[in-house]
PDB file of all heavy atoms in Angstrom:
ATOM      1  N   TRP A   1       0.831  -1.201   0.000  1.00  0.00           N
ATOM      2  CA  TRP A   1       0.000   0.000   0.000  1.00  0.00           C
ATOM      3  C   TRP A   1       0.869   1.256   0.000  1.00  0.00           C
ATOM      4  O   TRP A   1       0.671   2.155  -0.813  1.00  0.00           O
ATOM      5  CB  TRP A   1      -0.920  -0.008   1.224  1.00  0.00           C
ATOM      6  CG  TRP A   1      -1.832   1.184   1.272  1.00  0.00           C
ATOM      7  CD1 TRP A   1      -3.051   1.291   0.688  1.00  0.00           C
ATOM      8  CD2 TRP A   1      -1.580   2.422   1.934  1.00  0.00           C
ATOM      9  NE1 TRP A   1      -3.578   2.526   0.936  1.00  0.00           N
ATOM     10  CE2 TRP A   1      -2.696   3.246   1.699  1.00  0.00           C
ATOM     11  CE3 TRP A   1      -0.525   2.908   2.700  1.00  0.00           C
ATOM     12  CZ2 TRP A   1      -2.784   4.533   2.201  1.00  0.00           C
ATOM     13  CZ3 TRP A   1      -0.611   4.188   3.196  1.00  0.00           C
ATOM     14  CH2 TRP A   1      -1.733   4.996   2.941  1.00  0.00           C
ATOM     15  N   LEU A   2       1.845   1.317   0.896  1.00  0.00           N
ATOM     16  CA  LEU A   2       2.682   2.512   1.023  1.00  0.00           C
ATOM     17  C   LEU A   2       3.673   2.639  -0.131  1.00  0.00           C
ATOM     18  O   LEU A   2       3.707   3.656  -0.822  1.00  0.00           O
ATOM     19  CB  LEU A   2       3.434   2.485   2.352  1.00  0.00           C
ATOM     20  CG  LEU A   2       4.443   3.623   2.563  1.00  0.00           C
ATOM     21  CD1 LEU A   2       3.717   4.954   2.627  1.00  0.00           C
ATOM     22  CD2 LEU A   2       5.257   3.379   3.811  1.00  0.00           C
ATOM     23  N   PHE A   3       4.476   1.608  -0.346  1.00  0.00           N
ATOM     24  CA  PHE A   3       5.531   1.712  -1.362  1.00  0.00           C
ATOM     25  C   PHE A   3       4.990   1.656  -2.791  1.00  0.00           C
ATOM     26  O   PHE A   3       5.637   2.138  -3.715  1.00  0.00           O
ATOM     27  CB  PHE A   3       6.615   0.654  -1.135  1.00  0.00           C
ATOM     28  CG  PHE A   3       7.538   1.025  -0.019  1.00  0.00           C
ATOM     29  CD1 PHE A   3       7.415   0.438   1.223  1.00  0.00           C
ATOM     30  CD2 PHE A   3       8.530   1.968  -0.216  1.00  0.00           C
ATOM     31  CE1 PHE A   3       8.261   0.791   2.257  1.00  0.00           C
ATOM     32  CE2 PHE A   3       9.385   2.331   0.807  1.00  0.00           C
ATOM     33  CZ  PHE A   3       9.249   1.747   2.052  1.00  0.00           C
ATOM     34  N   GLY A   4       3.809   1.087  -2.977  1.00  0.00           N
ATOM     35  CA  GLY A   4       3.193   1.140  -4.303  1.00  0.00           C
ATOM     36  C   GLY A   4       2.913   2.574  -4.711  1.00  0.00           C
ATOM     37  O   GLY A   4       3.201   2.987  -5.843  1.00  0.00           O
ATOM     38  N   ARG A   5       2.380   3.355  -3.805  1.00  0.00           N
ATOM     39  CA  ARG A   5       2.100   4.767  -4.080  1.00  0.00           C
ATOM     40  C   ARG A   5       3.392   5.570  -4.231  1.00  0.00           C
ATOM     41  O   ARG A   5       3.529   6.394  -5.151  1.00  0.00           O
ATOM     42  CB  ARG A   5       1.245   5.363  -2.963  1.00  0.00           C
ATOM     43  CG  ARG A   5      -0.180   4.871  -3.007  1.00  0.00           C
ATOM     44  CD  ARG A   5      -0.897   5.084  -1.665  1.00  0.00           C
ATOM     45  NE  ARG A   5      -2.309   4.793  -1.729  1.00  0.00           N
ATOM     46  CZ  ARG A   5      -2.835   3.589  -1.809  1.00  0.00           C
ATOM     47  NH1 ARG A   5      -2.052   2.534  -1.887  1.00  0.00           N
ATOM     48  NH2 ARG A   5      -4.143   3.423  -1.841  1.00  0.00           N
ATOM     49  N   LEU A   6       4.320   5.348  -3.311  1.00  0.00           N
ATOM     50  CA  LEU A   6       5.589   6.085  -3.369  1.00  0.00           C
ATOM     51  C   LEU A   6       6.360   5.760  -4.650  1.00  0.00           C
ATOM     52  O   LEU A   6       6.931   6.653  -5.291  1.00  0.00           O
ATOM     53  CB  LEU A   6       6.449   5.770  -2.141  1.00  0.00           C
ATOM     54  CG  LEU A   6       5.939   6.292  -0.803  1.00  0.00           C
ATOM     55  CD1 LEU A   6       6.837   5.801   0.327  1.00  0.00           C
ATOM     56  CD2 LEU A   6       5.847   7.809  -0.804  1.00  0.00           C
ATOM     57  N   HIS A   7       6.378   4.477  -5.009  1.00  0.00           N
ATOM     58  CA  HIS A   7       7.111   4.091  -6.212  1.00  0.00           C
ATOM     59  C   HIS A   7       6.441   4.628  -7.477  1.00  0.00           C
ATOM     60  O   HIS A   7       7.133   5.016  -8.423  1.00  0.00           O
ATOM     61  CB  HIS A   7       7.270   2.574  -6.313  1.00  0.00           C
ATOM     62  CG  HIS A   7       8.001   2.165  -7.545  1.00  0.00           C
ATOM     63  ND1 HIS A   7       9.328   2.464  -7.748  1.00  0.00           N
ATOM     64  CD2 HIS A   7       7.591   1.519  -8.655  1.00  0.00           C
ATOM     65  CE1 HIS A   7       9.706   2.019  -8.933  1.00  0.00           C
ATOM     66  NE2 HIS A   7       8.662   1.437  -9.512  1.00  0.00           N
ATOM     67  N   GLY A   8       5.145   4.662  -7.500  1.00  0.00           N
ATOM     68  CA  GLY A   8       4.450   5.235  -8.652  1.00  0.00           C
ATOM     69  C   GLY A   8       4.843   6.692  -8.865  1.00  0.00           C
ATOM     70  O   GLY A   8       5.152   7.116  -9.985  1.00  0.00           O
ATOM     71  N   ALA A   9       4.856   7.460  -7.785  1.00  0.00           N
ATOM     72  CA  ALA A   9       5.250   8.870  -7.882  1.00  0.00           C
ATOM     73  C   ALA A   9       6.733   9.002  -8.246  1.00  0.00           C
ATOM     74  O   ALA A   9       7.112   9.847  -9.070  1.00  0.00           O
ATOM     75  CB  ALA A   9       4.969   9.583  -6.566  1.00  0.00           C
ATOM     76  N   ALA A  10       7.561   8.157  -7.648  1.00  0.00           N
ATOM     77  CA  ALA A  10       9.004   8.215  -7.933  1.00  0.00           C
ATOM     78  C   ALA A  10       9.287   7.827  -9.385  1.00  0.00           C
ATOM     79  O   ALA A  10      10.163   8.428 -10.028  1.00  0.00           O
ATOM     80  CB  ALA A  10       9.773   7.298  -6.982  1.00  0.00           C
ATOM     81  N   PHE A  11       8.570   6.866  -9.919  1.00  0.00           N
ATOM     82  CA  PHE A  11       8.779   6.460 -11.306  1.00  0.00           C
ATOM     83  C   PHE A  11       8.401   7.577 -12.267  1.00  0.00           C
ATOM     84  O   PHE A  11       9.129   7.859 -13.232  1.00  0.00           O
ATOM     85  CB  PHE A  11       7.975   5.188 -11.620  1.00  0.00           C
ATOM     86  CG  PHE A  11       8.141   4.737 -13.038  1.00  0.00           C
ATOM     87  CD1 PHE A  11       9.296   4.092 -13.444  1.00  0.00           C
ATOM     88  CD2 PHE A  11       7.150   4.979 -13.980  1.00  0.00           C
ATOM     89  CE1 PHE A  11       9.463   3.680 -14.762  1.00  0.00           C
ATOM     90  CE2 PHE A  11       7.305   4.582 -15.296  1.00  0.00           C
ATOM     91  CZ  PHE A  11       8.466   3.927 -15.689  1.00  0.00           C
ATOM     92  N   ILE A  12       7.274   8.226 -12.020  1.00  0.00           N
ATOM     93  CA  ILE A  12       6.871   9.346 -12.876  1.00  0.00           C
ATOM     94  C   ILE A  12       7.903  10.470 -12.792  1.00  0.00           C
ATOM     95  O   ILE A  12       8.290  11.048 -13.820  1.00  0.00           O
ATOM     96  CB  ILE A  12       5.464   9.842 -12.493  1.00  0.00           C
ATOM     97  CG1 ILE A  12       4.431   8.783 -12.880  1.00  0.00           C
ATOM     98  CG2 ILE A  12       5.145  11.179 -13.163  1.00  0.00           C
ATOM     99  CD1 ILE A  12       3.045   9.042 -12.338  1.00  0.00           C
ATOM    100  N   ALA A  13       8.382  10.761 -11.582  1.00  0.00           N
ATOM    101  CA  ALA A  13       9.418  11.789 -11.424  1.00  0.00           C
ATOM    102  C   ALA A  13      10.690  11.390 -12.156  1.00  0.00           C
ATOM    103  O   ALA A  13      11.337  12.227 -12.805  1.00  0.00           O
ATOM    104  CB  ALA A  13       9.710  12.018  -9.940  1.00  0.00           C
ATOM    105  N   TYR A  14      11.057  10.112 -12.085  1.00  0.00           N
ATOM    106  CA  TYR A  14      12.263   9.633 -12.770  1.00  0.00           C
ATOM    107  C   TYR A  14      12.141   9.822 -14.282  1.00  0.00           C
ATOM    108  O   TYR A  14      13.084  10.277 -14.933  1.00  0.00           O
ATOM    109  CB  TYR A  14      12.521   8.159 -12.437  1.00  0.00           C
ATOM    110  CG  TYR A  14      13.705   7.585 -13.176  1.00  0.00           C
ATOM    111  CD1 TYR A  14      15.001   7.847 -12.740  1.00  0.00           C
ATOM    112  CD2 TYR A  14      13.539   6.802 -14.310  1.00  0.00           C
ATOM    113  CE1 TYR A  14      16.097   7.344 -13.419  1.00  0.00           C
ATOM    114  CE2 TYR A  14      14.623   6.297 -14.992  1.00  0.00           C
ATOM    115  CZ  TYR A  14      15.904   6.564 -14.547  1.00  0.00           C
ATOM    116  OH  TYR A  14      16.993   6.068 -15.235  1.00  0.00           O
ATOM    117  N   VAL A  15      10.997   9.481 -14.846  1.00  0.00           N
ATOM    118  CA  VAL A  15      10.800   9.631 -16.294  1.00  0.00           C
ATOM    119  C   VAL A  15      10.904  11.100 -16.686  1.00  0.00           C
ATOM    120  O   VAL A  15      11.595  11.455 -17.652  1.00  0.00           O
ATOM    121  CB  VAL A  15       9.453   9.017 -16.740  1.00  0.00           C
ATOM    122  CG1 VAL A  15       9.109   9.418 -18.165  1.00  0.00           C
ATOM    123  CG2 VAL A  15       9.494   7.509 -16.606  1.00  0.00           C
ATOM    124  N   LEU A  16      10.249  11.978 -15.934  1.00  0.00           N
ATOM    125  CA  LEU A  16      10.286  13.411 -16.260  1.00  0.00           C
ATOM    126  C   LEU A  16      11.694  13.989 -16.127  1.00  0.00           C
ATOM    127  O   LEU A  16      12.160  14.719 -17.011  1.00  0.00           O
ATOM    128  CB  LEU A  16       9.309  14.173 -15.368  1.00  0.00           C
ATOM    129  CG  LEU A  16       7.827  13.865 -15.592  1.00  0.00           C
ATOM    130  CD1 LEU A  16       6.963  14.597 -14.570  1.00  0.00           C
ATOM    131  CD2 LEU A  16       7.408  14.209 -17.003  1.00  0.00           C
ATOM    132  N   VAL A  17      12.385  13.654 -15.042  1.00  0.00           N
ATOM    133  CA  VAL A  17      13.745  14.167 -14.841  1.00  0.00           C
ATOM    134  C   VAL A  17      14.693  13.599 -15.887  1.00  0.00           C
ATOM    135  O   VAL A  17      15.594  14.292 -16.364  1.00  0.00           O
ATOM    136  CB  VAL A  17      14.237  13.871 -13.402  1.00  0.00           C
ATOM    137  CG1 VAL A  17      15.713  14.151 -13.240  1.00  0.00           C
ATOM    138  CG2 VAL A  17      13.445  14.700 -12.403  1.00  0.00           C
ATOM    139  N   THR A  18      14.487  12.357 -16.287  1.00  0.00           N
ATOM    140  CA  THR A  18      15.319  11.748 -17.330  1.00  0.00           C
ATOM    141  C   THR A  18      15.155  12.486 -18.655  1.00  0.00           C
ATOM    142  O   THR A  18      16.135  12.754 -19.353  1.00  0.00           O
ATOM    143  CB  THR A  18      14.982  10.260 -17.499  1.00  0.00           C
ATOM    144  OG1 THR A  18      15.244   9.597 -16.267  1.00  0.00           O
ATOM    145  CG2 THR A  18      15.805   9.627 -18.592  1.00  0.00           C
ATOM    146  N   ILE A  19      13.929  12.826 -18.995  1.00  0.00           N
ATOM    147  CA  ILE A  19      13.691  13.561 -20.244  1.00  0.00           C
ATOM    148  C   ILE A  19      14.365  14.932 -20.196  1.00  0.00           C
ATOM    149  O   ILE A  19      15.035  15.342 -21.145  1.00  0.00           O
ATOM    150  CB  ILE A  19      12.178  13.674 -20.521  1.00  0.00           C
ATOM    151  CG1 ILE A  19      11.612  12.291 -20.852  1.00  0.00           C
ATOM    152  CG2 ILE A  19      11.894  14.664 -21.646  1.00  0.00           C
ATOM    153  CD1 ILE A  19      10.105  12.226 -20.878  1.00  0.00           C
ATOM    154  N   VAL A  20      14.209  15.633 -19.079  1.00  0.00           N
ATOM    155  CA  VAL A  20      14.836  16.953 -18.938  1.00  0.00           C
ATOM    156  C   VAL A  20      16.359  16.825 -18.958  1.00  0.00           C
ATOM    157  O   VAL A  20      17.052  17.593 -19.634  1.00  0.00           O
ATOM    158  CB  VAL A  20      14.351  17.652 -17.650  1.00  0.00           C
ATOM    159  CG1 VAL A  20      15.134  18.920 -17.391  1.00  0.00           C
ATOM    160  CG2 VAL A  20      12.861  17.963 -17.748  1.00  0.00           C
ATOM    161  N   ALA A  21      16.897  15.850 -18.224  1.00  0.00           N
ATOM    162  CA  ALA A  21      18.357  15.667 -18.184  1.00  0.00           C
ATOM    163  C   ALA A  21      18.912  15.324 -19.559  1.00  0.00           C
ATOM    164  O   ALA A  21      19.975  15.819 -19.948  1.00  0.00           O
ATOM    165  CB  ALA A  21      18.719  14.571 -17.181  1.00  0.00           C
ATOM    166  N   SER A  22      18.198  14.497 -20.297  1.00  0.00           N
ATOM    167  CA  SER A  22      18.703  14.115 -21.619  1.00  0.00           C
ATOM    168  C   SER A  22      18.776  15.319 -22.553  1.00  0.00           C
ATOM    169  O   SER A  22      19.667  15.384 -23.392  1.00  0.00           O
ATOM    170  CB  SER A  22      17.838  13.013 -22.227  1.00  0.00           C
ATOM    171  OG  SER A  22      16.561  13.508 -22.585  1.00  0.00           O
ATOM    172  N   ARG A  23      17.876  16.255 -22.392  1.00  0.00           N
ATOM    173  CA  ARG A  23      17.896  17.455 -23.233  1.00  0.00           C
ATOM    174  C   ARG A  23      18.968  18.445 -22.777  1.00  0.00           C
ATOM    175  O   ARG A  23      19.732  18.962 -23.577  1.00  0.00           O
ATOM    176  CB  ARG A  23      16.525  18.146 -23.199  1.00  0.00           C
ATOM    177  CG  ARG A  23      15.366  17.281 -23.657  1.00  0.00           C
ATOM    178  CD  ARG A  23      15.432  16.997 -25.105  1.00  0.00           C
ATOM    179  NE  ARG A  23      15.363  18.277 -25.800  1.00  0.00           N
ATOM    180  CZ  ARG A  23      15.048  18.437 -27.041  1.00  0.00           C
ATOM    181  NH1 ARG A  23      14.750  17.383 -27.750  1.00  0.00           N
ATOM    182  NH2 ARG A  23      15.006  19.611 -27.599  1.00  0.00           N
ATOM    183  N   ARG A  24      19.013  18.710 -21.488  1.00  0.00           N
ATOM    184  CA  ARG A  24      19.946  19.725 -20.980  1.00  0.00           C
ATOM    185  C   ARG A  24      21.397  19.260 -20.956  1.00  0.00           C
ATOM    186  O   ARG A  24      22.308  20.075 -21.048  1.00  0.00           O
ATOM    187  CB  ARG A  24      19.533  20.176 -19.590  1.00  0.00           C
ATOM    188  CG  ARG A  24      18.268  20.996 -19.604  1.00  0.00           C
ATOM    189  CD  ARG A  24      18.105  21.723 -18.320  1.00  0.00           C
ATOM    190  NE  ARG A  24      16.901  22.535 -18.361  1.00  0.00           N
ATOM    191  CZ  ARG A  24      16.399  23.123 -17.309  1.00  0.00           C
ATOM    192  NH1 ARG A  24      16.983  22.995 -16.134  1.00  0.00           N
ATOM    193  NH2 ARG A  24      15.305  23.844 -17.418  1.00  0.00           N
ATOM    194  N   LEU A  25      21.597  17.968 -20.781  1.00  0.00           N
ATOM    195  CA  LEU A  25      22.960  17.439 -20.725  1.00  0.00           C
ATOM    196  C   LEU A  25      23.403  16.875 -22.070  1.00  0.00           C
ATOM    197  O   LEU A  25      24.452  16.251 -22.167  1.00  0.00           O
ATOM    198  CB  LEU A  25      23.069  16.377 -19.630  1.00  0.00           C
ATOM    199  CG  LEU A  25      22.775  16.883 -18.215  1.00  0.00           C
ATOM    200  CD1 LEU A  25      22.824  15.732 -17.224  1.00  0.00           C
ATOM    201  CD2 LEU A  25      23.729  17.981 -17.809  1.00  0.00           C
ATOM    202  N   TRP A  26      22.596  17.063 -23.094  1.00  0.00           N
ATOM    203  CA  TRP A  26      22.932  16.696 -24.467  1.00  0.00           C
ATOM    204  C   TRP A  26      23.273  15.220 -24.604  1.00  0.00           C
ATOM    205  O   TRP A  26      24.250  14.852 -25.245  1.00  0.00           O
ATOM    206  CB  TRP A  26      24.051  17.559 -25.014  1.00  0.00           C
ATOM    207  CG  TRP A  26      23.785  19.023 -24.999  1.00  0.00           C
ATOM    208  CD1 TRP A  26      22.603  19.644 -24.785  1.00  0.00           C
ATOM    209  CD2 TRP A  26      24.734  20.059 -25.201  1.00  0.00           C
ATOM    210  NE1 TRP A  26      22.754  21.005 -24.837  1.00  0.00           N
ATOM    211  CE2 TRP A  26      24.057  21.289 -25.090  1.00  0.00           C
ATOM    212  CE3 TRP A  26      26.096  20.074 -25.468  1.00  0.00           C
ATOM    213  CZ2 TRP A  26      24.698  22.506 -25.239  1.00  0.00           C
ATOM    214  CZ3 TRP A  26      26.718  21.282 -25.608  1.00  0.00           C
ATOM    215  CH2 TRP A  26      26.016  22.487 -25.493  1.00  0.00           C
ATOM    216  N   TRP A  27      22.456  14.354 -24.003  1.00  0.00           N
ATOM    217  CA  TRP A  27      22.686  12.925 -24.128  1.00  0.00           C
ATOM    218  C   TRP A  27      22.342  12.476 -25.539  1.00  0.00           C
ATOM    219  O   TRP A  27      21.359  12.935 -26.122  1.00  0.00           O
ATOM    220  CB  TRP A  27      21.804  12.146 -23.159  1.00  0.00           C
ATOM    221  CG  TRP A  27      22.193  12.249 -21.721  1.00  0.00           C
ATOM    222  CD1 TRP A  27      23.314  12.835 -21.213  1.00  0.00           C
ATOM    223  CD2 TRP A  27      21.452  11.765 -20.614  1.00  0.00           C
ATOM    224  NE1 TRP A  27      23.310  12.731 -19.848  1.00  0.00           N
ATOM    225  CE2 TRP A  27      22.183  12.084 -19.453  1.00  0.00           C
ATOM    226  CE3 TRP A  27      20.252  11.102 -20.486  1.00  0.00           C
ATOM    227  CZ2 TRP A  27      21.742  11.747 -18.185  1.00  0.00           C
ATOM    228  CZ3 TRP A  27      19.806  10.761 -19.222  1.00  0.00           C
ATOM    229  CH2 TRP A  27      20.551  11.081 -18.090  1.00  0.00           C
ATOM    230  N   PRO A  28      23.100  11.521 -26.074  1.00  0.00           N
ATOM    231  CA  PRO A  28      22.684  10.910 -27.347  1.00  0.00           C
ATOM    232  C   PRO A  28      21.361  10.166 -27.142  1.00  0.00           C
ATOM    233  O   PRO A  28      21.032   9.765 -26.026  1.00  0.00           O
ATOM    234  CB  PRO A  28      23.813   9.929 -27.660  1.00  0.00           C
ATOM    235  CG  PRO A  28      24.963  10.333 -26.804  1.00  0.00           C
ATOM    236  CD  PRO A  28      24.388  11.031 -25.615  1.00  0.00           C
ATOM    237  N   GLY A  29      20.619   9.950 -28.208  1.00  0.00           N
ATOM    238  CA  GLY A  29      19.323   9.286 -28.115  1.00  0.00           C
ATOM    239  C   GLY A  29      19.399   7.918 -27.462  1.00  0.00           C
ATOM    240  O   GLY A  29      18.536   7.537 -26.670  1.00  0.00           O
ATOM    241  N   LYS A  30      20.464   7.176 -27.770  1.00  0.00           N
ATOM    242  CA  LYS A  30      20.631   5.832 -27.201  1.00  0.00           C
ATOM    243  C   LYS A  30      20.765   5.900 -25.677  1.00  0.00           C
ATOM    244  O   LYS A  30      20.177   5.084 -24.963  1.00  0.00           O
ATOM    245  CB  LYS A  30      21.866   5.179 -27.821  1.00  0.00           C
ATOM    246  CG  LYS A  30      22.115   3.762 -27.374  1.00  0.00           C
ATOM    247  CD  LYS A  30      23.327   3.188 -28.078  1.00  0.00           C
ATOM    248  CE  LYS A  30      23.623   1.788 -27.606  1.00  0.00           C
ATOM    249  NZ  LYS A  30      24.800   1.220 -28.277  1.00  0.00           N
ATOM    250  N   THR A  31      21.500   6.875 -25.181  1.00  0.00           N
ATOM    251  CA  THR A  31      21.671   7.042 -23.737  1.00  0.00           C
ATOM    252  C   THR A  31      20.340   7.370 -23.078  1.00  0.00           C
ATOM    253  O   THR A  31      20.015   6.833 -22.016  1.00  0.00           O
ATOM    254  CB  THR A  31      22.706   8.142 -23.438  1.00  0.00           C
ATOM    255  OG1 THR A  31      23.945   7.787 -24.045  1.00  0.00           O
ATOM    256  CG2 THR A  31      22.913   8.318 -21.945  1.00  0.00           C
ATOM    257  N   ALA A  32      19.561   8.244 -23.706  1.00  0.00           N
ATOM    258  CA  ALA A  32      18.266   8.620 -23.145  1.00  0.00           C
ATOM    259  C   ALA A  32      17.321   7.422 -23.094  1.00  0.00           C
ATOM    260  O   ALA A  32      16.617   7.222 -22.097  1.00  0.00           O
ATOM    261  CB  ALA A  32      17.653   9.751 -23.964  1.00  0.00           C
ATOM    262  N   VAL A  33      17.307   6.621 -24.136  1.00  0.00           N
ATOM    263  CA  VAL A  33      16.433   5.442 -24.172  1.00  0.00           C
ATOM    264  C   VAL A  33      16.856   4.436 -23.102  1.00  0.00           C
ATOM    265  O   VAL A  33      16.015   3.874 -22.387  1.00  0.00           O
ATOM    266  CB  VAL A  33      16.433   4.792 -25.573  1.00  0.00           C
ATOM    267  CG1 VAL A  33      15.770   3.429 -25.558  1.00  0.00           C
ATOM    268  CG2 VAL A  33      15.755   5.713 -26.573  1.00  0.00           C
ATOM    269  N   ILE A  34      18.144   4.212 -22.950  1.00  0.00           N
ATOM    270  CA  ILE A  34      18.635   3.289 -21.916  1.00  0.00           C
ATOM    271  C   ILE A  34      18.278   3.808 -20.527  1.00  0.00           C
ATOM    272  O   ILE A  34      17.885   3.035 -19.651  1.00  0.00           O
ATOM    273  CB  ILE A  34      20.149   3.053 -22.068  1.00  0.00           C
ATOM    274  CG1 ILE A  34      20.428   2.272 -23.352  1.00  0.00           C
ATOM    275  CG2 ILE A  34      20.717   2.315 -20.859  1.00  0.00           C
ATOM    276  CD1 ILE A  34      21.891   2.176 -23.721  1.00  0.00           C
ATOM    277  N   ALA A  35      18.395   5.114 -20.328  1.00  0.00           N
ATOM    278  CA  ALA A  35      18.034   5.705 -19.033  1.00  0.00           C
ATOM    279  C   ALA A  35      16.553   5.486 -18.735  1.00  0.00           C
ATOM    280  O   ALA A  35      16.183   5.149 -17.603  1.00  0.00           O
ATOM    281  CB  ALA A  35      18.367   7.187 -19.022  1.00  0.00           C
ATOM    282  N   LEU A  36      15.705   5.669 -19.732  1.00  0.00           N
ATOM    283  CA  LEU A  36      14.274   5.439 -19.532  1.00  0.00           C
ATOM    284  C   LEU A  36      13.977   3.967 -19.266  1.00  0.00           C
ATOM    285  O   LEU A  36      13.172   3.637 -18.386  1.00  0.00           O
ATOM    286  CB  LEU A  36      13.490   5.934 -20.741  1.00  0.00           C
ATOM    287  CG  LEU A  36      13.423   7.453 -20.898  1.00  0.00           C
ATOM    288  CD1 LEU A  36      12.835   7.821 -22.250  1.00  0.00           C
ATOM    289  CD2 LEU A  36      12.626   8.084 -19.768  1.00  0.00           C
ATOM    290  N   LEU A  37      14.629   3.080 -20.007  1.00  0.00           N
ATOM    291  CA  LEU A  37      14.417   1.645 -19.786  1.00  0.00           C
ATOM    292  C   LEU A  37      14.945   1.181 -18.431  1.00  0.00           C
ATOM    293  O   LEU A  37      14.450   0.192 -17.875  1.00  0.00           O
ATOM    294  CB  LEU A  37      15.066   0.841 -20.910  1.00  0.00           C
ATOM    295  CG  LEU A  37      14.396   0.965 -22.284  1.00  0.00           C
ATOM    296  CD1 LEU A  37      15.209   0.205 -23.341  1.00  0.00           C
ATOM    297  CD2 LEU A  37      12.963   0.469 -22.240  1.00  0.00           C
ATOM    298  N   ALA A  38      15.934   1.888 -17.889  1.00  0.00           N
ATOM    299  CA  ALA A  38      16.485   1.528 -16.577  1.00  0.00           C
ATOM    300  C   ALA A  38      15.464   1.717 -15.462  1.00  0.00           C
ATOM    301  O   ALA A  38      15.628   1.151 -14.378  1.00  0.00           O
ATOM    302  CB  ALA A  38      17.735   2.351 -16.284  1.00  0.00           C
ATOM    303  N   GLY A  39      14.418   2.471 -15.721  1.00  0.00           N
ATOM    304  CA  GLY A  39      13.384   2.653 -14.711  1.00  0.00           C
ATOM    305  C   GLY A  39      12.465   1.459 -14.549  1.00  0.00           C
ATOM    306  O   GLY A  39      11.710   1.382 -13.591  1.00  0.00           O
ATOM    307  N   VAL A  40      12.539   0.491 -15.463  1.00  0.00           N
ATOM    308  CA  VAL A  40      11.615  -0.642 -15.420  1.00  0.00           C
ATOM    309  C   VAL A  40      12.117  -1.770 -14.515  1.00  0.00           C
ATOM    310  O   VAL A  40      11.402  -2.179 -13.597  1.00  0.00           O
ATOM    311  CB  VAL A  40      11.301  -1.139 -16.849  1.00  0.00           C
ATOM    312  CG1 VAL A  40      10.378  -2.348 -16.814  1.00  0.00           C
ATOM    313  CG2 VAL A  40      10.666  -0.009 -17.663  1.00  0.00           C
ATOM    314  N   PRO A  41      13.321  -2.331 -14.724  1.00  0.00           N
ATOM    315  CA  PRO A  41      13.763  -3.404 -13.820  1.00  0.00           C
ATOM    316  C   PRO A  41      14.128  -2.853 -12.436  1.00  0.00           C
ATOM    317  O   PRO A  41      14.606  -1.726 -12.327  1.00  0.00           O
ATOM    318  CB  PRO A  41      15.020  -3.967 -14.494  1.00  0.00           C
ATOM    319  CG  PRO A  41      15.088  -3.351 -15.837  1.00  0.00           C
ATOM    320  CD  PRO A  41      14.261  -2.121 -15.806  1.00  0.00           C
ATOM    321  N   PRO A  42      13.899  -3.649 -11.407  1.00  0.00           N
ATOM    322  CA  PRO A  42      14.238  -3.187 -10.057  1.00  0.00           C
ATOM    323  C   PRO A  42      15.725  -2.824  -9.929  1.00  0.00           C
ATOM    324  O   PRO A  42      16.598  -3.565 -10.369  1.00  0.00           O
ATOM    325  CB  PRO A  42      13.897  -4.376  -9.162  1.00  0.00           C
ATOM    326  CG  PRO A  42      12.915  -5.160  -9.953  1.00  0.00           C
ATOM    327  CD  PRO A  42      13.274  -4.958 -11.394  1.00  0.00           C
TER     328      PRO A  42
END
């Protein structure tokens, strides 16, 4: 109950911050995709 809610919010924050970081830090597309996929496995 607790960590399901916390993890849902943390995952959404991770995706948003990853998108912003990939743009501002000039990551190549492959790096950005790997960063987004890294949010799926524990």
